[in-house]
C-alpha atoms as a PDB file:
ATOM      1  CA  MET A   1      38.036   4.347   2.125  1.00  0.00           C
ATOM      2  CA  GLY A   2      35.734   7.367   1.624  1.00  0.00           C
ATOM      3  CA  LYS A   3      32.264   7.277   3.080  1.00  0.00           C
ATOM      4  CA  GLU A   4      30.685   7.412  -0.397  1.00  0.00           C
ATOM      5  CA  ASN A   5      32.748   4.353  -1.461  1.00  0.00           C
ATOM      6  CA  LEU A   6      31.416   2.125   1.291  1.00  0.00           C
ATOM      7  CA  LYS A   7      29.750  -0.984  -0.082  1.00  0.00           C
ATOM      8  CA  LEU A   8      26.002  -1.039   0.424  1.00  0.00           C
ATOM      9  CA  THR A   9      24.699  -3.379   3.103  1.00  0.00           C
ATOM     10  CA  ALA A  10      22.163  -6.150   2.513  1.00  0.00           C
ATOM     11  CA  ALA A  11      19.460  -3.931   4.002  1.00  0.00           C
ATOM     12  CA  GLU A  12      20.358  -1.059   1.681  1.00  0.00           C
ATOM     13  CA  ILE A  13      20.373  -3.298  -1.409  1.00  0.00           C
ATOM     14  CA  GLY A  14      17.041  -4.793  -0.305  1.00  0.00           C
ATOM     15  CA  THR A  15      15.371  -1.400   0.076  1.00  0.00           C
ATOM     16  CA  LEU A  16      16.688  -0.224  -3.305  1.00  0.00           C
ATOM     17  CA  TRP A  17      15.363  -3.389  -4.932  1.00  0.00           C
ATOM     18  CA  GLY A  18      11.955  -3.008  -3.280  1.00  0.00           C
ATOM     19  CA  GLU A  19      11.699   0.699  -4.094  1.00  0.00           C
ATOM     20  CA  TYR A  20      12.437  -0.064  -7.753  1.00  0.00           C
ATOM     21  CA  VAL A  21       9.982  -2.942  -8.223  1.00  0.00           C
ATOM     22  CA  ASN A  22       7.134  -1.389  -6.236  1.00  0.00           C
ATOM     23  CA  GLY A  23       7.766   2.015  -7.791  1.00  0.00           C
ATOM     24  CA  THR A  24       7.576   0.704 -11.346  1.00  0.00           C
ATOM     25  CA  ALA A  25       4.328  -1.132 -10.542  1.00  0.00           C
ATOM     26  CA  VAL A  26       2.608   2.011  -9.228  1.00  0.00           C
ATOM     27  CA  ASP A  27       4.150   4.138 -11.988  1.00  0.00           C
ATOM     28  CA  THR A  28       2.602   1.878 -14.637  1.00  0.00           C
ATOM     29  CA  LEU A  29      -0.871   2.359 -13.144  1.00  0.00           C
ATOM     30  CA  ASN A  30      -0.239   6.100 -12.953  1.00  0.00           C
ATOM     31  CA  LYS A  31       0.695   6.157 -16.651  1.00  0.00           C
ATOM     32  CA  TYR A  32      -2.622   4.538 -17.538  1.00  0.00           C
ATOM     33  CA  MET A  33      -4.651   6.788 -15.251  1.00  0.00           C
ATOM     34  CA  VAL A  34      -3.131   9.985 -16.641  1.00  0.00           C
ATOM     35  CA  THR A  35      -4.447   9.008 -20.108  1.00  0.00           C
ATOM     36  CA  ILE A  36      -8.069   8.649 -18.948  1.00  0.00           C
ATOM     37  CA  ILE A  37      -8.318  11.535 -16.450  1.00  0.00           C
ATOM     38  CA  GLU A  38     -10.369  14.493 -17.695  1.00  0.00           C
ATOM     39  CA  ASP A  39     -10.079  16.809 -14.673  1.00  0.00           C
ATOM     40  CA  LYS A  40      -7.137  19.155 -15.342  1.00  0.00           C
ATOM     41  CA  LYS A  41      -6.082  19.546 -11.695  1.00  0.00           C
ATOM     42  CA  ILE A  42      -6.052  15.772 -11.059  1.00  0.00           C
ATOM     43  CA  LYS A  43      -4.228  15.178 -14.342  1.00  0.00           C
ATOM     44  CA  THR A  44      -1.534  17.684 -13.342  1.00  0.00           C
ATOM     45  CA  LEU A  45      -0.872  15.777 -10.110  1.00  0.00           C
ATOM     46  CA  PHE A  46      -0.425  12.519 -12.027  1.00  0.00           C
ATOM     47  CA  GLU A  47       1.918  14.166 -14.516  1.00  0.00           C
ATOM     48  CA  ASP A  48       3.977  15.399 -11.556  1.00  0.00           C
ATOM     49  CA  ALA A  49       3.977  11.921  -9.964  1.00  0.00           C
ATOM     50  CA  ILE A  50       5.168  10.309 -13.216  1.00  0.00           C
ATOM     51  CA  LYS A  51       7.918  12.906 -13.709  1.00  0.00           C
ATOM     52  CA  THR A  52       9.027  12.534 -10.075  1.00  0.00           C
ATOM     53  CA  PHE A  53       9.346   8.750 -10.271  1.00  0.00           C
ATOM     54  CA  ALA A  54      11.244   8.959 -13.589  1.00  0.00           C
ATOM     55  CA  LYS A  55      13.883  10.988 -11.715  1.00  0.00           C
ATOM     56  CA  GLN A  56      13.905   8.538  -8.788  1.00  0.00           C
ATOM     57  CA  LYS A  57      14.104   5.523 -11.108  1.00  0.00           C
ATOM     58  CA  LYS A  58      17.309   6.821 -12.706  1.00  0.00           C
ATOM     59  CA  GLN A  59      18.901   7.263  -9.291  1.00  0.00           C
ATOM     60  CA  LEU A  60      17.759   3.819  -8.119  1.00  0.00           C
ATOM     61  CA  THR A  61      19.208   2.271 -11.269  1.00  0.00           C
ATOM     62  CA  THR A  62      22.552   4.031 -10.733  1.00  0.00           C
ATOM     63  CA  PHE A  63      22.814   2.856  -7.115  1.00  0.00           C
ATOM     64  CA  ILE A  64      22.044  -0.763  -8.057  1.00  0.00           C
ATOM     65  CA  GLU A  65      24.343  -0.872 -11.102  1.00  0.00           C
ATOM     66  CA  ASN A  66      27.255   0.716  -9.230  1.00  0.00           C
ATOM     67  CA  GLU A  67      27.122  -2.161  -6.729  1.00  0.00           C
ATOM     68  CA  GLY A  68      27.291  -4.733  -9.529  1.00  0.00           C
ATOM     69  CA  PHE A  69      23.748  -6.047  -9.037  1.00  0.00           C
ATOM     70  CA  PRO A  70      21.361  -6.593 -11.965  1.00  0.00           C
ATOM     71  CA  VAL A  71      18.626  -3.984 -12.199  1.00  0.00           C
ATOM     72  CA  PRO A  72      15.244  -5.617 -11.459  1.00  0.00           C
ATOM     73  CA  VAL A  73      12.865  -6.197 -14.366  1.00  0.00           C
ATOM     74  CA  GLY A  74       9.995  -4.650 -12.425  1.00  0.00           C
ATOM     75  CA  PHE A  75       7.190  -3.321 -14.620  1.00  0.00           C
ATOM     76  CA  SER A  76       7.138  -1.227 -17.766  1.00  0.00           C
ATOM     77  CA  ASP A  77       5.027  -0.135 -20.731  1.00  0.00           C
ATOM     78  CA  SER A  78       4.924  -3.786 -21.788  1.00  0.00           C
ATOM     79  CA  ASP A  79       2.499  -4.312 -18.883  1.00  0.00           C
ATOM     80  CA  LEU A  80       0.295  -1.464 -20.092  1.00  0.00           C
ATOM     81  CA  ASN A  81      -2.451  -1.177 -22.711  1.00  0.00           C
ATOM     82  CA  ASN A  82      -3.088   2.531 -23.143  1.00  0.00           C
ATOM     83  CA  GLY A  83      -5.865   1.925 -25.643  1.00  0.00           C
ATOM     84  CA  ALA A  84      -8.068   0.211 -23.078  1.00  0.00           C
ATOM     85  CA  GLU A  85     -11.424   1.631 -22.036  1.00  0.00           C
ATOM     86  CA  ARG A  86     -11.809   3.676 -18.863  1.00  0.00           C
ATOM     87  CA  LEU A  87     -11.808   1.403 -15.792  1.00  0.00           C
ATOM     88  CA  PHE A  88     -11.725   4.066 -13.051  1.00  0.00           C
ATOM     89  CA  SER A  89     -13.308   7.484 -12.504  1.00  0.00           C
ATOM     90  CA  ASP A  90     -11.209  10.618 -12.038  1.00  0.00           C
ATOM     91  CA  ILE A  91     -12.054  10.710  -8.320  1.00  0.00           C
ATOM     92  CA  PHE A  92     -11.008   7.081  -7.856  1.00  0.00           C
ATOM     93  CA  CYS A  93      -7.672   7.899  -9.507  1.00  0.00           C
ATOM     94  CA  LEU A  94      -7.183  10.786  -7.063  1.00  0.00           C
ATOM     95  CA  HIS A  95      -8.007   8.536  -4.087  1.00  0.00           C
ATOM     96  CA  TYR A  96      -5.576   5.942  -5.475  1.00  0.00           C
ATOM     97  CA  LEU A  97      -2.752   8.479  -5.759  1.00  0.00           C
ATOM     98  CA  HIS A  98      -3.451   9.719  -2.228  1.00  0.00           C
ATOM     99  CA  ILE A  99      -3.366   6.234  -0.656  1.00  0.00           C
ATOM    100  CA  MET A 100      -0.315   5.134  -2.643  1.00  0.00           C
ATOM    101  CA  THR A 101       1.443   8.309  -1.508  1.00  0.00           C
ATOM    102  CA  LEU A 102       0.794   7.235   2.090  1.00  0.00           C
ATOM    103  CA  HIS A 103       2.360   3.849   1.272  1.00  0.00           C
ATOM    104  CA  GLY A 104       5.290   5.692  -0.295  1.00  0.00           C
ATOM    105  CA  LEU A 105       5.834   7.813   2.803  1.00  0.00           C
ATOM    106  CA  LEU A 106       6.041   4.688   4.954  1.00  0.00           C
ATOM    107  CA  GLY A 107       8.298   2.926   2.437  1.00  0.00           C
ATOM    108  CA  HIS A 108      10.735   5.834   2.106  1.00  0.00           C
ATOM    109  CA  THR A 109      10.944   6.226   5.886  1.00  0.00           C
ATOM    110  CA  THR A 110      11.646   2.510   6.287  1.00  0.00           C
ATOM    111  CA  SER A 111      14.318   2.690   3.580  1.00  0.00           C
ATOM    112  CA  LEU A 112      15.900   5.738   5.210  1.00  0.00           C
ATOM    113  CA  SER A 113      15.990   4.059   8.627  1.00  0.00           C
ATOM    114  CA  SER A 114      17.811   1.084   7.043  1.00  0.00           C
ATOM    115  CA  SER A 115      20.441   3.224   5.305  1.00  0.00           C
ATOM    116  CA  VAL A 116      23.860   4.259   6.566  1.00  0.00           C
ATOM    117  CA  ARG A 117      25.670   5.628   3.530  1.00  0.00           C
ATOM    118  CA  LYS A 118      25.284   9.380   3.198  1.00  0.00           C
ATOM    119  CA  ASP A 119      24.372   9.531  -0.496  1.00  0.00           C
ATOM    120  CA  LEU A 120      21.637   6.935  -0.003  1.00  0.00           C
ATOM    121  CA  ARG A 121      20.245   8.740   3.049  1.00  0.00           C
ATOM    122  CA  HIS A 122      20.103  11.983   1.082  1.00  0.00           C
ATOM    123  CA  PHE A 123      18.337  10.178  -1.772  1.00  0.00           C
ATOM    124  CA  TYR A 124      15.622   8.822   0.532  1.00  0.00           C
ATOM    125  CA  ASP A 125      15.335  12.259   2.136  1.00  0.00           C
ATOM    126  CA  SER A 126      14.514  13.679  -1.292  1.00  0.00           C
ATOM    127  CA  CYS A 127      12.049  10.824  -1.967  1.00  0.00           C
ATOM    128  CA  ASP A 128      10.366  11.581   1.344  1.00  0.00           C
ATOM    129  CA  ASP A 129      10.160  15.282   0.455  1.00  0.00           C
ATOM    130  CA  ASP A 130       8.566  14.379  -2.887  1.00  0.00           C
ATOM    131  CA  ALA A 131       6.021  12.132  -1.171  1.00  0.00           C
ATOM    132  CA  LYS A 132       5.166  14.771   1.433  1.00  0.00           C
ATOM    133  CA  ARG A 133       4.602  17.323  -1.309  1.00  0.00           C
ATOM    134  CA  MET A 134       2.302  14.894  -3.126  1.00  0.00           C
ATOM    135  CA  TYR A 135       0.458  14.076   0.111  1.00  0.00           C
ATOM    136  CA  HIS A 136      -0.308  17.760   0.699  1.00  0.00           C
ATOM    137  CA  GLN A 137      -1.423  18.243  -2.904  1.00  0.00           C
ATOM    138  CA  THR A 138      -3.705  15.185  -3.027  1.00  0.00           C
ATOM    139  CA  THR A 139      -5.184  16.041   0.379  1.00  0.00           C
ATOM    140  CA  GLU A 140      -5.908  19.628  -0.618  1.00  0.00           C
ATOM    141  CA  LEU A 141      -7.491  18.593  -3.914  1.00  0.00           C
ATOM    142  CA  LEU A 142      -9.661  15.945  -2.245  1.00  0.00           C
ATOM    143  CA  VAL A 143     -10.812  18.583   0.277  1.00  0.00           C
ATOM    144  CA  GLU A 144     -11.467  21.089  -2.510  1.00  0.00           C
ATOM    145  CA  LYS A 145     -13.619  18.574  -4.398  1.00  0.00           C
ATOM    146  CA  GLY A 146     -15.484  17.488  -1.273  1.00  0.00           C
ATOM    147  CA  HIS A 147     -14.141  13.935  -1.391  1.00  0.00           C
ATOM    148  CA  PHE A 148     -11.719  13.899   1.535  1.00  0.00           C
ATOM    149  CA  GLN A 149     -13.035  11.585   4.240  1.00  0.00           C
ATOM    150  CA  ARG A 150     -12.187  13.135   7.584  1.00  0.00           C
ATOM    151  CA  ASP A 151     -11.812  10.951  10.657  1.00  0.00           C
ATOM    152  CA  PRO A 152     -14.392  11.284  13.473  1.00  0.00           C
ATOM    153  CA  SER A 153     -14.273  14.419  15.637  1.00  0.00           C
ATOM    154  CA  PHE A 154     -14.132  14.455  19.444  1.00  0.00           C
ATOM    155  CA  TYR A 155     -15.511  16.783  22.078  1.00  0.00           C
ATOM    156  CA  PRO A 156     -12.745  17.810  24.501  1.00  0.00           C
ATOM    157  CA  GLU A 157     -12.692  16.691  28.126  1.00  0.00           C
ATOM    158  CA  ASP A 158     -12.371  19.272  30.889  1.00  0.00           C
ATOM    159  CA  ASN A 159      -9.241  17.679  32.376  1.00  0.00           C
ATOM    160  CA  PRO A 160      -6.705  14.914  31.617  1.00  0.00           C
ATOM    161  CA  GLU A 161      -7.695  11.495  32.955  1.00  0.00           C
ATOM    162  CA  PHE A 162      -5.723   8.370  33.921  1.00  0.00           C
ATOM    163  CA  ILE A 163      -6.559   4.671  33.522  1.00  0.00           C
ATOM    164  CA  GLN A 164      -7.525   3.309  36.927  1.00  0.00           C
ATOM    165  CA  ASP A 165      -8.221  -0.399  36.538  1.00  0.00           C
ATOM    166  CA  GLN A 166      -8.297  -3.504  34.319  1.00  0.00           C
ATOM    167  CA  GLN A 167     -11.760  -2.616  33.047  1.00  0.00           C
ATOM    168  CA  PHE A 168     -10.147  -0.288  30.483  1.00  0.00           C
ATOM    169  CA  LEU A 169      -8.892  -3.415  28.679  1.00  0.00           C
ATOM    170  CA  ASP A 170     -12.212  -5.276  28.754  1.00  0.00           C
ATOM    171  CA  GLY A 171     -14.375  -5.531  25.688  1.00  0.00           C
ATOM    172  CA  MET A 172     -14.879  -9.184  24.823  1.00  0.00           C
ATOM    173  CA  PHE A 173     -17.873  -9.598  27.121  1.00  0.00           C
ATOM    174  CA  GLY A 174     -20.231  -7.186  28.831  1.00  0.00           C
ATOM    175  CA  ASP A 175     -20.032  -3.410  28.534  1.00  0.00           C
ATOM    176  CA  LYS A 176     -17.266  -1.942  26.402  1.00  0.00           C
ATOM    177  CA  ARG A 177     -15.699   1.426  27.075  1.00  0.00           C
ATOM    178  CA  PRO A 178     -15.830   3.911  24.184  1.00  0.00           C
ATOM    179  CA  LEU A 179     -13.032   3.713  21.636  1.00  0.00           C
ATOM    180  CA  ALA A 180      -9.912   5.732  22.369  1.00  0.00           C
ATOM    181  CA  ALA A 181      -8.689   8.326  19.856  1.00  0.00           C
ATOM    182  CA  THR A 182      -5.566   6.226  19.165  1.00  0.00           C
ATOM    183  CA  GLU A 183      -7.776   3.214  18.360  1.00  0.00           C
ATOM    184  CA  ILE A 184     -10.108   5.212  16.115  1.00  0.00           C
ATOM    185  CA  ILE A 185      -7.340   6.538  13.883  1.00  0.00           C
ATOM    186  CA  ALA A 186      -6.017   2.984  13.347  1.00  0.00           C
ATOM    187  CA  LEU A 187      -9.507   1.662  12.556  1.00  0.00           C
ATOM    188  CA  SER A 188     -10.204   4.458  10.097  1.00  0.00           C
ATOM    189  CA  LEU A 189      -6.830   4.160   8.348  1.00  0.00           C
ATOM    190  CA  ASN A 190      -7.106   0.374   8.044  1.00  0.00           C
ATOM    191  CA  ILE A 191     -10.617   0.654   6.596  1.00  0.00           C
ATOM    192  CA  LYS A 192      -9.451   3.177   3.980  1.00  0.00           C
ATOM    193  CA  LYS A 193      -6.634   0.842   2.913  1.00  0.00           C
ATOM    194  CA  LYS A 194      -9.078  -2.069   2.692  1.00  0.00           C
ATOM    195  CA  ILE A 195     -11.487   0.011   0.599  1.00  0.00           C
ATOM    196  CA  LEU A 196      -8.718   0.546  -1.967  1.00  0.00           C
ATOM    197  CA  GLU A 197      -7.903  -3.188  -1.928  1.00  0.00           C
ATOM    198  CA  LYS A 198     -11.541  -4.109  -2.484  1.00  0.00           C
ATOM    199  CA  SER A 199     -12.139  -1.542  -5.231  1.00  0.00           C
ATOM    200  CA  LEU A 200      -9.007  -2.529  -7.160  1.00  0.00           C
ATOM    201  CA  SER A 201      -9.807  -6.238  -6.831  1.00  0.00           C
ATOM    202  CA  ILE A 202     -13.270  -5.545  -8.299  1.00  0.00           C
ATOM    203  CA  GLY A 203     -11.832  -3.634 -11.237  1.00  0.00           C
ATOM    204  CA  PHE A 204      -9.003  -6.088 -11.860  1.00  0.00           C
ATOM    205  CA  SER A 205     -11.325  -9.114 -11.675  1.00  0.00           C
ATOM    206  CA  GLN A 206     -13.457  -7.604 -14.462  1.00  0.00           C
ATOM    207  CA  VAL A 207     -10.573  -7.322 -16.894  1.00  0.00           C
ATOM    208  CA  THR A 208      -8.151 -10.161 -16.096  1.00  0.00           C
ATOM    209  CA  GLN A 209      -7.638 -12.783 -18.797  1.00  0.00           C
ATOM    210  CA  SER A 210      -6.831 -15.593 -16.361  1.00  0.00           C
ATOM    211  CA  LYS A 211      -9.503 -17.638 -14.588  1.00  0.00           C
ATOM    212  CA  GLU A 212      -7.061 -18.430 -11.780  1.00  0.00           C
ATOM    213  CA  VAL A 213      -6.242 -14.771 -11.258  1.00  0.00           C
ATOM    214  CA  ARG A 214      -9.946 -13.870 -11.329  1.00  0.00           C
ATOM    215  CA  LYS A 215     -10.684 -16.522  -8.712  1.00  0.00           C
ATOM    216  CA  PHE A 216      -7.949 -15.146  -6.450  1.00  0.00           C
ATOM    217  CA  LEU A 217      -9.110 -11.546  -6.925  1.00  0.00           C
ATOM    218  CA  LYS A 218     -12.656 -12.470  -5.974  1.00  0.00           C
ATOM    219  CA  SER A 219     -11.354 -14.239  -2.882  1.00  0.00           C
ATOM    220  CA  ALA A 220      -9.290 -11.155  -1.973  1.00  0.00           C
ATOM    221  CA  GLN A 221     -12.336  -8.953  -2.606  1.00  0.00           C
ATOM    222  CA  ASN A 222     -14.494 -11.022  -0.244  1.00  0.00           C
ATOM    223  CA  ALA A 223     -11.815 -10.959   2.452  1.00  0.00           C
ATOM    224  CA  SER A 224     -11.412  -7.172   2.121  1.00  0.00           C
ATOM    225  CA  ASP A 225     -15.182  -6.701   2.333  1.00  0.00           C
ATOM    226  CA  GLN A 226     -15.452  -8.852   5.458  1.00  0.00           C
ATOM    227  CA  GLN A 227     -12.623  -6.930   7.110  1.00  0.00           C
ATOM    228  CA  ILE A 228     -14.191  -3.573   6.193  1.00  0.00           C
ATOM    229  CA  GLN A 229     -17.461  -4.729   7.766  1.00  0.00           C
ATOM    230  CA  THR A 230     -15.706  -6.058  10.880  1.00  0.00           C
ATOM    231  CA  LEU A 231     -13.659  -2.899  11.481  1.00  0.00           C
ATOM    232  CA  GLY A 232     -16.572  -0.653  10.550  1.00  0.00           C
ATOM    233  CA  LYS A 233     -18.761  -2.389  13.122  1.00  0.00           C
ATOM    234  CA  LYS A 234     -16.346  -1.241  15.831  1.00  0.00           C
ATOM    235  CA  LEU A 235     -16.825   2.399  14.782  1.00  0.00           C
ATOM    236  CA  LYS A 236     -20.583   2.025  14.430  1.00  0.00           C
ATOM    237  CA  GLY A 237     -20.719   0.605  17.945  1.00  0.00           C
ATOM    238  CA  ASP A 238     -19.793   4.089  19.206  1.00  0.00           C
ATOM    239  CA  ASN A 239     -22.018   5.833  16.622  1.00  0.00           C
ATOM    240  CA  LEU A 240     -18.952   6.969  14.687  1.00  0.00           C
ATOM    241  CA  PRO A 241     -18.910   7.377  10.868  1.00  0.00           C
ATOM    242  CA  VAL A 242     -17.347   4.719   8.674  1.00  0.00           C
ATOM    243  CA  PRO A 243     -15.308   5.738   5.578  1.00  0.00           C
ATOM    244  CA  MET A 244     -17.315   5.497   2.348  1.00  0.00           C
ATOM    245  CA  SER A 245     -16.604   2.826  -0.238  1.00  0.00           C
ATOM    246  CA  TRP A 246     -15.422   3.565  -3.792  1.00  0.00           C
ATOM    247  CA  GLU A 247     -16.963   0.651  -5.708  1.00  0.00           C
ATOM    248  CA  SER A 248     -19.193   3.033  -7.679  1.00  0.00           C
ATOM    249  CA  GLU A 249     -16.047   4.744  -8.996  1.00  0.00           C
ATOM    250  CA  VAL A 250     -15.092   1.546 -10.882  1.00  0.00           C
ATOM    251  CA  THR A 251     -16.685   1.304 -14.338  1.00  0.00           C
ATOM    252  CA  VAL A 252     -18.116  -1.862 -15.933  1.00  0.00           C
ATOM    253  CA  SER A 253     -15.304  -2.098 -18.491  1.00  0.00           C
ATOM    254  CA  GLN A 254     -13.974  -5.572 -19.353  1.00  0.00           C
ATOM    255  CA  ASP A 255     -11.079  -4.209 -21.394  1.00  0.00           C
ATOM    256  CA  ALA A 256      -7.763  -4.883 -19.615  1.00  0.00           C
ATOM    257  CA  PRO A 257      -5.470  -1.834 -19.240  1.00  0.00           C
ATOM    258  CA  PHE A 258      -2.783  -3.932 -17.494  1.00  0.00           C
ATOM    259  CA  SER A 259      -1.110  -7.302 -17.715  1.00  0.00           C
ATOM    260  CA  ASP A 260      -2.341 -10.033 -15.363  1.00  0.00           C
ATOM    261  CA  LYS A 261       1.146 -10.079 -13.869  1.00  0.00           C
ATOM    262  CA  LEU A 262       0.928  -6.393 -12.896  1.00  0.00           C
ATOM    263  CA  MET A 263      -2.596  -6.639 -11.479  1.00  0.00           C
ATOM    264  CA  LEU A 264      -1.797  -9.692  -9.378  1.00  0.00           C
ATOM    265  CA  TYR A 265       1.495  -8.209  -8.155  1.00  0.00           C
ATOM    266  CA  HIS A 266      -0.220  -4.975  -7.164  1.00  0.00           C
ATOM    267  CA  MET A 267      -2.763  -6.835  -5.041  1.00  0.00           C
ATOM    268  CA  GLY A 268       0.052  -8.699  -3.316  1.00  0.00           C
ATOM    269  CA  PHE A 269       1.868  -5.427  -2.650  1.00  0.00           C
ATOM    270  CA  LEU A 270      -1.264  -3.988  -1.007  1.00  0.00           C
ATOM    271  CA  LEU A 271      -1.833  -7.140   1.054  1.00  0.00           C
ATOM    272  CA  GLN A 272       1.733  -7.118   2.351  1.00  0.00           C
ATOM    273  CA  SER A 273       1.713  -3.369   3.011  1.00  0.00           C
ATOM    274  CA  SER A 274      -1.573  -3.628   4.895  1.00  0.00           C
ATOM    275  CA  GLN A 275       0.013  -6.016   7.388  1.00  0.00           C
ATOM    276  CA  SER A 276       2.135  -3.171   8.760  1.00  0.00           C
ATOM    277  CA  TYR A 277      -1.015  -1.083   9.261  1.00  0.00           C
ATOM    278  CA  HIS A 278      -2.810  -4.011  10.911  1.00  0.00           C
ATOM    279  CA  GLY A 279       0.213  -4.442  13.156  1.00  0.00           C
ATOM    280  CA  ALA A 280       0.092  -0.754  14.092  1.00  0.00           C
ATOM    281  CA  GLY A 281      -3.616  -1.144  14.844  1.00  0.00           C
ATOM    282  CA  LEU A 282      -2.897  -4.148  17.025  1.00  0.00           C
ATOM    283  CA  ALA A 283      -0.177  -2.245  18.883  1.00  0.00           C
ATOM    284  CA  SER A 284      -2.518   0.679  19.545  1.00  0.00           C
ATOM    285  CA  ALA A 285      -5.444  -1.507  20.675  1.00  0.00           C
ATOM    286  CA  MET A 286      -6.116  -1.467  24.413  1.00  0.00           C
ATOM    287  CA  ARG A 287      -9.469  -3.233  24.256  1.00  0.00           C
ATOM    288  CA  ILE A 288      -9.462  -7.020  24.179  1.00  0.00           C
ATOM    289  CA  ASP A 289     -12.042  -7.328  21.395  1.00  0.00           C
ATOM    290  CA  LEU A 290      -9.935  -5.056  19.148  1.00  0.00           C
ATOM    291  CA  VAL A 291      -6.837  -7.136  19.816  1.00  0.00           C
ATOM    292  CA  ALA A 292      -8.712 -10.304  18.812  1.00  0.00           C
ATOM    293  CA  THR A 293     -10.091  -8.611  15.677  1.00  0.00           C
ATOM    294  CA  TYR A 294      -6.675  -7.492  14.427  1.00  0.00           C
ATOM    295  CA  GLU A 295      -5.164 -10.914  15.158  1.00  0.00           C
ATOM    296  CA  LYS A 296      -7.851 -12.616  13.036  1.00  0.00           C
ATOM    297  CA  ILE A 297      -7.365 -10.154  10.185  1.00  0.00           C
ATOM    298  CA  ILE A 298      -3.575 -10.600  10.230  1.00  0.00           C
ATOM    299  CA  LEU A 299      -3.899 -14.407  10.166  1.00  0.00           C
ATOM    300  CA  LYS A 300      -6.435 -14.235   7.305  1.00  0.00           C
ATOM    301  CA  ASN A 301      -4.163 -11.961   5.294  1.00  0.00           C
ATOM    302  CA  ILE A 302      -1.249 -14.345   5.817  1.00  0.00           C
ATOM    303  CA  MET A 303      -3.353 -17.131   4.281  1.00  0.00           C
ATOM    304  CA  ILE A 304      -4.394 -14.952   1.335  1.00  0.00           C
ATOM    305  CA  THR A 305      -0.807 -13.810   0.787  1.00  0.00           C
ATOM    306  CA  LYS A 306       0.294 -17.445   0.676  1.00  0.00           C
ATOM    307  CA  GLU A 307      -2.262 -18.092  -2.096  1.00  0.00           C
ATOM    308  CA  TRP A 308      -0.941 -15.022  -3.903  1.00  0.00           C
ATOM    309  CA  PHE A 309       2.668 -16.219  -3.614  1.00  0.00           C
ATOM    310  CA  ASN A 310       1.814 -19.664  -4.984  1.00  0.00           C
ATOM    311  CA  LEU A 311      -0.041 -18.173  -7.958  1.00  0.00           C
ATOM    312  CA  MET A 312       2.732 -15.693  -8.732  1.00  0.00           C
ATOM    313  CA  ALA A 313       5.381 -18.438  -8.504  1.00  0.00           C
ATOM    314  CA  LYS A 314       3.325 -20.832 -10.633  1.00  0.00           C
ATOM    315  CA  ASN A 315       3.184 -18.262 -13.437  1.00  0.00           C
ATOM    316  CA  LYS A 316       6.859 -17.294 -12.950  1.00  0.00           C
ATOM    317  CA  TRP A 317       5.820 -13.693 -12.309  1.00  0.00           C
ATOM    318  CA  LEU A 318       7.516 -13.198  -8.951  1.00  0.00           C
ATOM    319  CA  GLU A 319      10.951 -11.635  -9.320  1.00  0.00           C
ATOM    320  CA  GLN A 320      13.516 -12.888  -6.830  1.00  0.00           C
ATOM    321  CA  PRO A 321      15.274 -10.301  -4.666  1.00  0.00           C
ATOM    322  CA  PRO A 322      19.049 -10.571  -4.082  1.00  0.00           C
ATOM    323  CA  LEU A 323      19.917 -13.530  -1.827  1.00  0.00           C
ATOM    324  CA  ALA A 324      22.659 -14.056   0.731  1.00  0.00           C
ATOM    325  CA  PRO A 325      25.498 -16.347  -0.454  1.00  0.00           C
ATOM    326  CA  ASN A 326      24.725 -20.046  -0.065  1.00  0.00           C
ATOM    327  CA  ARG A 327      27.855 -21.056   1.846  1.00  0.00           C
ATOM    328  CA  LEU A 328      26.994 -24.778   1.831  1.00  0.00           C
ATOM    329  CA  GLU A 329      26.663 -24.723  -1.964  1.00  0.00           C
ATOM    330  CA  ILE A 330      29.894 -22.745  -2.383  1.00  0.00           C
ATOM    331  CA  ALA A 331      31.792 -25.146  -0.127  1.00  0.00           C
ATOM    332  CA  LYS A 332      30.854 -28.235  -2.180  1.00  0.00           C
ATOM    333  CA  ASP A 333      33.602 -30.099  -3.981  1.00  0.00           C
ATOM    334  CA  LYS A 334      34.132 -28.901  -7.514  1.00  0.00           C
END
């Protein structure tokens, strides 16, 4: 059997399924944003992102169909109302594309690391190249417009130093050592992700048609705000800058550009994605108070995600990924 004829593994099917559903969700938001953006340079980036995913979507569909699996429903123009009023500013849209590109980079790398078949590995390589190109372009445009939020700067030490005792880990009581560079980058990145969560939950809560969805979005907004404050307090404790919020970049529109299904799914996607960043922050934390902070945030997000799952399932909005064969069911008497 040729290498290209190898059947895809469960992990490979799972990553293809996830890439398709998550990709169509983000693509639908991009299609709305490109219609409201006035800045020509930002608009060009969104046009590129939409064209790039259209190419990827065709390849994802081919992989899935060739294995005999049904192509996921995902999201489409039926979840979009292009005639809706402007909900986000141009700068918010650029921040959104930048952060979602970071999520894409992580997702493509995870998919690549789960793939064995050569054609699939080459596909994810190309997806990664596309995401890296978009990351450079969004970063450069944010810098050009004065909206890129740089992480704190350090003054260099004269010589390398080594940890000498247990005190390096202390931080729950008494004096705390200054934050390490590895801890600062995790704090800053997690805050930026939470700022996007909060801003989107504000915008979505203004336009949703469902009272239940609005209640959940407000709960998610409050949780994101509390976590931003908690993580930001750690930076402020060392007189370090905290990333700015984007709430002012959300308009007061009450006209829904998206279906409730899409808005709720997108919040769930961000909540689940953020857990990997919280986990990375926890792994990089070498101060006890930071460890405790990340643990509390992870547990809180698990509770919120459970609420999200129940609401999605109740409305029959949560598409089921491919499942392993139920051998007990198959073995029953006919």
